[in-house]
Amino acid sequence: MNMFLTLFFGVLDPADGSVLYVNGGHEPAALLTAGGVRRDELMPTGPAVGFMARSGLRLAKAALQPGETLVIHTDGVTDARNKAGEFFSGERLAQLLEQPAENAQAILDRVLSAVRTHIGDADQYDDITMLVIRRTA
């Protein structure tokens, strides 16, 4: 049936900020410093699930320092289209993530508002899903 899915699955240890994760063909998660600078990307550790027979996912590790933020999103965010067919784009998302934010909710609200404004009254092309986690001190 040619069906597959991408996934990001992670386990965060709030005590030390460590994140064990697998990324099956999903968009890279952004790891931002306390100042909003992209410090790292949690890249795919294997292909999309169901895309290739007998493919596996590697376990990877990252760490969130106090004040840092992890942003995970589906491609529906960057691929959101307006009536002219223009994509929201990864560049636009990166610009929004670089702006200072008081907390994780403020980042989420900022991006969602910008995506909704970009789409306007066009039909939604794909799911728009985000998870934003900020490690407190």
N, C-alpha and C. Protein backbone atom coordinates (compact mmCIF):
# COMPACT_ATOMS: atom_id res chain seq x y z
N MET A 1 0.82 -1.20 0.00
CA MET A 1 0.00 0.00 0.00
C MET A 1 0.85 1.26 0.00
N ASN A 2 2.18 1.10 0.04
CA ASN A 2 3.08 2.25 0.02
C ASN A 2 2.77 3.25 1.13
N MET A 3 2.55 2.75 2.33
CA MET A 3 2.27 3.63 3.46
C MET A 3 3.48 3.68 4.37
N PHE A 4 3.76 4.86 4.88
CA PHE A 4 4.85 5.04 5.82
C PHE A 4 4.51 6.22 6.72
N LEU A 5 5.29 6.37 7.77
CA LEU A 5 5.12 7.53 8.65
C LEU A 5 6.47 7.94 9.18
N THR A 6 6.57 9.23 9.48
CA THR A 6 7.76 9.72 10.16
C THR A 6 7.42 9.83 11.64
N LEU A 7 8.46 9.76 12.46
CA LEU A 7 8.21 9.89 13.89
C LEU A 7 9.42 10.45 14.60
N PHE A 8 9.14 11.12 15.68
CA PHE A 8 10.17 11.54 16.63
C PHE A 8 9.69 11.07 17.98
N PHE A 9 10.49 10.23 18.61
CA PHE A 9 10.15 9.72 19.93
C PHE A 9 11.32 10.00 20.85
N GLY A 10 11.06 10.69 21.95
CA GLY A 10 12.13 11.02 22.87
C GLY A 10 11.71 10.83 24.31
N VAL A 11 12.70 10.59 25.14
CA VAL A 11 12.49 10.48 26.58
C VAL A 11 13.42 11.51 27.23
N LEU A 12 12.83 12.46 27.93
CA LEU A 12 13.57 13.52 28.60
C LEU A 12 13.71 13.19 30.07
N ASP A 13 14.93 13.28 30.58
CA ASP A 13 15.16 13.15 32.02
C ASP A 13 15.25 14.57 32.57
N PRO A 14 14.22 15.03 33.27
CA PRO A 14 14.22 16.41 33.75
C PRO A 14 15.32 16.70 34.78
N ALA A 15 15.84 15.67 35.42
CA ALA A 15 16.87 15.89 36.43
C ALA A 15 18.18 16.38 35.83
N ASP A 16 18.57 15.82 34.68
CA ASP A 16 19.85 16.23 34.08
C ASP A 16 19.71 16.79 32.67
N GLY A 17 18.49 16.83 32.14
CA GLY A 17 18.26 17.39 30.81
C GLY A 17 18.61 16.47 29.66
N SER A 18 18.98 15.23 29.94
CA SER A 18 19.34 14.32 28.85
C SER A 18 18.08 13.88 28.09
N VAL A 19 18.24 13.73 26.78
CA VAL A 19 17.16 13.31 25.90
C VAL A 19 17.66 12.12 25.09
N LEU A 20 17.04 10.96 25.28
CA LEU A 20 17.28 9.81 24.42
C LEU A 20 16.19 9.83 23.37
N TYR A 21 16.56 9.67 22.09
CA TYR A 21 15.54 9.79 21.05
C TYR A 21 15.86 8.93 19.84
N VAL A 22 14.81 8.68 19.07
CA VAL A 22 14.93 8.16 17.71
C VAL A 22 14.15 9.12 16.82
N ASN A 23 14.66 9.30 15.62
CA ASN A 23 14.02 10.17 14.65
C ASN A 23 13.90 9.38 13.35
N GLY A 24 12.71 8.88 13.08
CA GLY A 24 12.48 8.09 11.89
C GLY A 24 12.02 8.94 10.73
N GLY A 25 12.97 9.57 10.04
CA GLY A 25 12.66 10.35 8.86
C GLY A 25 11.88 11.62 9.11
N HIS A 26 11.81 12.04 10.36
CA HIS A 26 11.04 13.23 10.73
C HIS A 26 11.89 14.48 10.55
N GLU A 27 11.25 15.63 10.53
CA GLU A 27 11.97 16.89 10.49
C GLU A 27 12.95 16.95 11.67
N PRO A 28 14.15 17.51 11.48
CA PRO A 28 15.07 17.63 12.61
C PRO A 28 14.47 18.53 13.70
N ALA A 29 14.60 18.11 14.94
CA ALA A 29 14.17 18.94 16.07
C ALA A 29 15.26 19.99 16.31
N ALA A 30 14.86 21.19 16.68
CA ALA A 30 15.81 22.27 16.93
C ALA A 30 16.10 22.39 18.42
N LEU A 31 17.37 22.45 18.77
CA LEU A 31 17.80 22.67 20.14
C LEU A 31 18.35 24.09 20.20
N LEU A 32 17.66 24.95 20.96
CA LEU A 32 17.99 26.37 21.03
C LEU A 32 18.62 26.72 22.37
N THR A 33 19.61 27.58 22.33
CA THR A 33 20.22 28.07 23.56
C THR A 33 19.22 28.96 24.29
N ALA A 34 19.56 29.36 25.50
CA ALA A 34 18.69 30.25 26.27
C ALA A 34 18.45 31.57 25.53
N GLY A 35 19.41 31.97 24.67
CA GLY A 35 19.28 33.19 23.89
C GLY A 35 18.57 33.01 22.56
N GLY A 36 18.11 31.78 22.26
CA GLY A 36 17.37 31.53 21.03
C GLY A 36 18.23 31.12 19.84
N VAL A 37 19.52 30.93 20.05
CA VAL A 37 20.42 30.53 18.96
C VAL A 37 20.33 29.02 18.76
N ARG A 38 20.19 28.59 17.51
CA ARG A 38 20.12 27.15 17.21
C ARG A 38 21.48 26.53 17.51
N ARG A 39 21.53 25.69 18.56
CA ARG A 39 22.78 25.06 18.98
C ARG A 39 22.98 23.71 18.33
N ASP A 40 21.89 23.03 18.03
CA ASP A 40 22.00 21.69 17.48
C ASP A 40 20.69 21.33 16.78
N GLU A 41 20.75 20.30 15.94
CA GLU A 41 19.56 19.74 15.33
C GLU A 41 19.56 18.25 15.60
N LEU A 42 18.45 17.72 16.01
CA LEU A 42 18.33 16.28 16.27
C LEU A 42 17.86 15.63 14.98
N MET A 43 18.85 15.23 14.20
CA MET A 43 18.64 14.74 12.84
C MET A 43 18.03 13.33 12.85
N PRO A 44 17.49 12.90 11.70
CA PRO A 44 16.96 11.54 11.62
C PRO A 44 18.02 10.50 12.00
N THR A 45 17.58 9.49 12.71
CA THR A 45 18.46 8.38 13.10
C THR A 45 18.10 7.13 12.31
N GLY A 46 17.27 7.29 11.31
CA GLY A 46 16.85 6.22 10.43
C GLY A 46 15.78 6.73 9.49
N PRO A 47 15.35 5.88 8.56
CA PRO A 47 14.33 6.30 7.59
C PRO A 47 12.94 6.32 8.20
N ALA A 48 12.00 6.85 7.43
CA ALA A 48 10.60 6.82 7.83
C ALA A 48 10.18 5.37 8.07
N VAL A 49 9.33 5.15 9.04
CA VAL A 49 8.87 3.81 9.39
C VAL A 49 7.94 3.29 8.28
N GLY A 50 8.25 2.09 7.76
CA GLY A 50 7.46 1.49 6.71
C GLY A 50 7.95 1.83 5.32
N PHE A 51 8.95 2.70 5.21
CA PHE A 51 9.46 3.11 3.91
C PHE A 51 10.33 2.02 3.28
N MET A 52 11.16 1.38 4.10
CA MET A 52 12.03 0.31 3.63
C MET A 52 11.90 -0.88 4.57
N ALA A 53 11.85 -2.06 4.00
CA ALA A 53 11.76 -3.27 4.82
C ALA A 53 13.05 -3.47 5.60
N ARG A 54 12.91 -3.92 6.82
CA ARG A 54 14.03 -4.27 7.70
C ARG A 54 15.00 -3.12 7.96
N SER A 55 14.51 -1.93 7.95
CA SER A 55 15.37 -0.81 8.32
C SER A 55 15.20 -0.55 9.81
N GLY A 56 16.24 -0.10 10.44
CA GLY A 56 16.18 0.14 11.87
C GLY A 56 16.43 1.60 12.21
N LEU A 57 16.16 1.93 13.44
CA LEU A 57 16.40 3.27 13.95
C LEU A 57 17.49 3.21 15.00
N ARG A 58 18.45 4.11 14.91
CA ARG A 58 19.50 4.22 15.93
C ARG A 58 19.00 5.09 17.08
N LEU A 59 19.42 4.75 18.26
CA LEU A 59 19.14 5.56 19.44
C LEU A 59 20.21 6.65 19.51
N ALA A 60 19.80 7.87 19.75
CA ALA A 60 20.73 8.99 19.86
C ALA A 60 20.48 9.71 21.17
N LYS A 61 21.42 10.57 21.53
CA LYS A 61 21.32 11.29 22.81
C LYS A 61 21.67 12.77 22.59
N ALA A 62 20.95 13.60 23.29
CA ALA A 62 21.22 15.04 23.31
C ALA A 62 21.02 15.50 24.75
N ALA A 63 21.33 16.75 25.01
CA ALA A 63 21.15 17.28 26.36
C ALA A 63 20.64 18.71 26.30
N LEU A 64 19.64 18.99 27.12
CA LEU A 64 19.10 20.34 27.29
C LEU A 64 19.71 20.95 28.54
N GLN A 65 20.40 22.05 28.37
CA GLN A 65 20.95 22.77 29.51
C GLN A 65 19.85 23.67 30.09
N PRO A 66 19.97 24.09 31.34
CA PRO A 66 18.96 25.00 31.89
C PRO A 66 18.76 26.23 31.00
N GLY A 67 17.49 26.54 30.73
CA GLY A 67 17.14 27.68 29.88
C GLY A 67 17.04 27.34 28.40
N GLU A 68 17.50 26.15 28.00
CA GLU A 68 17.45 25.78 26.59
C GLU A 68 16.08 25.23 26.22
N THR A 69 15.81 25.25 24.92
CA THR A 69 14.50 24.88 24.40
C THR A 69 14.65 23.85 23.29
N LEU A 70 13.77 22.86 23.29
CA LEU A 70 13.69 21.87 22.23
C LEU A 70 12.39 22.10 21.47
N VAL A 71 12.49 22.25 20.15
CA VAL A 71 11.33 22.49 19.31
C VAL A 71 11.20 21.35 18.31
N ILE A 72 10.09 20.63 18.38
CA ILE A 72 9.81 19.52 17.48
C ILE A 72 8.56 19.91 16.69
N HIS A 73 8.60 19.70 15.37
CA HIS A 73 7.45 20.08 14.55
C HIS A 73 7.31 19.13 13.37
N THR A 74 6.11 19.03 12.86
CA THR A 74 5.87 18.25 11.65
C THR A 74 6.15 19.12 10.43
N ASP A 75 6.30 18.46 9.29
CA ASP A 75 6.56 19.22 8.06
C ASP A 75 5.34 20.05 7.64
N GLY A 76 4.21 19.81 8.27
CA GLY A 76 3.03 20.63 8.00
C GLY A 76 3.22 22.07 8.41
N VAL A 77 4.15 22.34 9.32
CA VAL A 77 4.45 23.72 9.71
C VAL A 77 5.17 24.42 8.56
N THR A 78 6.28 23.88 8.12
CA THR A 78 7.08 24.52 7.08
C THR A 78 6.44 24.41 5.70
N ASP A 79 5.61 23.38 5.48
CA ASP A 79 4.94 23.20 4.19
C ASP A 79 3.57 23.86 4.11
N ALA A 80 3.17 24.58 5.16
CA ALA A 80 1.89 25.28 5.13
C ALA A 80 1.89 26.26 3.96
N ARG A 81 0.79 26.24 3.19
CA ARG A 81 0.72 27.05 1.97
C ARG A 81 -0.39 28.10 2.06
N ASN A 82 -0.11 29.23 1.44
CA ASN A 82 -1.15 30.25 1.32
C ASN A 82 -1.90 30.04 0.00
N LYS A 83 -2.84 30.91 -0.32
CA LYS A 83 -3.64 30.74 -1.55
C LYS A 83 -2.78 30.80 -2.81
N ALA A 84 -1.64 31.48 -2.76
CA ALA A 84 -0.75 31.57 -3.92
C ALA A 84 0.14 30.34 -4.04
N GLY A 85 0.02 29.40 -3.08
CA GLY A 85 0.83 28.19 -3.12
C GLY A 85 2.21 28.34 -2.51
N GLU A 86 2.47 29.48 -1.87
CA GLU A 86 3.78 29.72 -1.25
C GLU A 86 3.87 29.00 0.09
N PHE A 87 5.00 28.33 0.30
CA PHE A 87 5.24 27.62 1.55
C PHE A 87 5.60 28.58 2.67
N PHE A 88 5.25 28.20 3.90
CA PHE A 88 5.66 28.98 5.07
C PHE A 88 7.18 28.99 5.17
N SER A 89 7.83 27.87 5.00
CA SER A 89 9.28 27.67 4.85
C SER A 89 10.03 27.50 6.18
N GLY A 90 11.10 26.75 6.08
CA GLY A 90 11.99 26.55 7.21
C GLY A 90 12.71 27.83 7.60
N GLU A 91 12.99 28.68 6.63
CA GLU A 91 13.66 29.95 6.92
C GLU A 91 12.78 30.83 7.80
N ARG A 92 11.51 30.90 7.47
CA ARG A 92 10.59 31.72 8.25
C ARG A 92 10.46 31.17 9.67
N LEU A 93 10.38 29.83 9.78
CA LEU A 93 10.31 29.21 11.10
C LEU A 93 11.57 29.53 11.90
N ALA A 94 12.73 29.40 11.28
CA ALA A 94 14.00 29.68 11.97
C ALA A 94 14.04 31.12 12.49
N GLN A 95 13.55 32.07 11.70
CA GLN A 95 13.52 33.47 12.13
C GLN A 95 12.65 33.65 13.37
N LEU A 96 11.52 32.95 13.40
CA LEU A 96 10.63 33.05 14.55
C LEU A 96 11.25 32.43 15.80
N LEU A 97 11.98 31.34 15.61
CA LEU A 97 12.60 30.67 16.76
C LEU A 97 13.75 31.47 17.34
N GLU A 98 14.39 32.31 16.53
CA GLU A 98 15.52 33.13 16.98
C GLU A 98 15.09 34.29 17.87
N GLN A 99 13.82 34.66 17.82
CA GLN A 99 13.35 35.79 18.61
C GLN A 99 13.24 35.38 20.08
N PRO A 100 13.62 36.27 21.00
CA PRO A 100 13.52 35.94 22.43
C PRO A 100 12.07 35.60 22.81
N ALA A 101 11.95 34.71 23.76
CA ALA A 101 10.62 34.31 24.24
C ALA A 101 10.68 34.07 25.73
N GLU A 102 9.63 34.47 26.40
CA GLU A 102 9.55 34.33 27.85
C GLU A 102 9.47 32.87 28.29
N ASN A 103 8.78 32.06 27.47
CA ASN A 103 8.61 30.65 27.83
C ASN A 103 8.26 29.84 26.59
N ALA A 104 8.12 28.53 26.76
CA ALA A 104 7.81 27.64 25.64
C ALA A 104 6.47 27.98 25.00
N GLN A 105 5.48 28.32 25.80
CA GLN A 105 4.15 28.65 25.27
C GLN A 105 4.22 29.86 24.35
N ALA A 106 5.06 30.84 24.69
CA ALA A 106 5.18 32.03 23.85
C ALA A 106 5.75 31.68 22.48
N ILE A 107 6.68 30.75 22.42
CA ILE A 107 7.24 30.30 21.13
C ILE A 107 6.15 29.63 20.32
N LEU A 108 5.44 28.72 20.96
CA LEU A 108 4.37 27.99 20.29
C LEU A 108 3.31 28.95 19.75
N ASP A 109 2.88 29.89 20.56
CA ASP A 109 1.86 30.86 20.16
C ASP A 109 2.35 31.72 18.99
N ARG A 110 3.61 32.14 19.04
CA ARG A 110 4.18 32.98 17.99
C ARG A 110 4.19 32.25 16.65
N VAL A 111 4.67 31.01 16.66
CA VAL A 111 4.76 30.25 15.42
C VAL A 111 3.37 29.93 14.88
N LEU A 112 2.48 29.47 15.74
CA LEU A 112 1.12 29.13 15.30
C LEU A 112 0.41 30.35 14.71
N SER A 113 0.56 31.49 15.33
CA SER A 113 -0.05 32.71 14.82
C SER A 113 0.50 33.07 13.45
N ALA A 114 1.81 32.96 13.28
CA ALA A 114 2.43 33.27 11.99
C ALA A 114 2.00 32.30 10.91
N VAL A 115 1.89 31.02 11.24
CA VAL A 115 1.44 30.03 10.27
C VAL A 115 -0.01 30.30 9.87
N ARG A 116 -0.86 30.58 10.84
CA ARG A 116 -2.28 30.86 10.54
C ARG A 116 -2.41 32.11 9.67
N THR A 117 -1.62 33.13 9.98
CA THR A 117 -1.64 34.35 9.16
C THR A 117 -1.18 34.05 7.75
N HIS A 118 -0.14 33.24 7.60
CA HIS A 118 0.39 32.87 6.28
C HIS A 118 -0.66 32.11 5.47
N ILE A 119 -1.33 31.16 6.09
CA ILE A 119 -2.34 30.35 5.39
C ILE A 119 -3.54 31.20 4.99
N GLY A 120 -3.91 32.11 5.88
CA GLY A 120 -5.08 32.94 5.60
C GLY A 120 -6.32 32.08 5.45
N ASP A 121 -7.06 32.28 4.36
CA ASP A 121 -8.27 31.50 4.16
C ASP A 121 -8.06 30.33 3.19
N ALA A 122 -6.80 29.97 2.94
CA ALA A 122 -6.50 28.80 2.11
C ALA A 122 -6.83 27.53 2.89
N ASP A 123 -7.07 26.45 2.17
CA ASP A 123 -7.29 25.16 2.83
C ASP A 123 -5.99 24.69 3.47
N GLN A 124 -6.11 24.08 4.64
CA GLN A 124 -4.94 23.55 5.32
C GLN A 124 -4.44 22.33 4.56
N TYR A 125 -3.16 22.33 4.21
CA TYR A 125 -2.55 21.30 3.37
C TYR A 125 -2.21 20.03 4.13
N ASP A 126 -1.76 20.15 5.37
CA ASP A 126 -1.25 19.01 6.14
C ASP A 126 -1.48 19.32 7.62
N ASP A 127 -1.15 18.33 8.46
CA ASP A 127 -1.26 18.59 9.90
C ASP A 127 -0.24 19.64 10.30
N ILE A 128 -0.55 20.39 11.31
CA ILE A 128 0.36 21.40 11.86
C ILE A 128 0.51 21.06 13.33
N THR A 129 1.62 20.41 13.63
CA THR A 129 1.83 19.91 14.99
C THR A 129 3.19 20.36 15.50
N MET A 130 3.21 20.85 16.72
CA MET A 130 4.47 21.30 17.35
C MET A 130 4.48 20.91 18.82
N LEU A 131 5.70 20.68 19.30
CA LEU A 131 5.93 20.48 20.73
C LEU A 131 7.14 21.33 21.08
N VAL A 132 7.00 22.17 22.09
CA VAL A 132 8.09 23.04 22.54
C VAL A 132 8.32 22.77 24.01
N ILE A 133 9.57 22.44 24.35
CA ILE A 133 9.95 22.13 25.72
C ILE A 133 11.10 23.04 26.13
N ARG A 134 10.95 23.73 27.24
CA ARG A 134 12.04 24.54 27.77
C ARG A 134 12.44 23.97 29.13
N ARG A 135 13.73 23.75 29.29
CA ARG A 135 14.24 23.27 30.57
C ARG A 135 14.46 24.45 31.49
N THR A 136 13.86 24.41 32.66
CA THR A 136 14.04 25.46 33.64
C THR A 136 15.27 25.15 34.50
N ALA A 137 15.70 26.14 35.22
CA ALA A 137 16.89 25.98 36.06
C ALA A 137 16.62 25.00 37.20
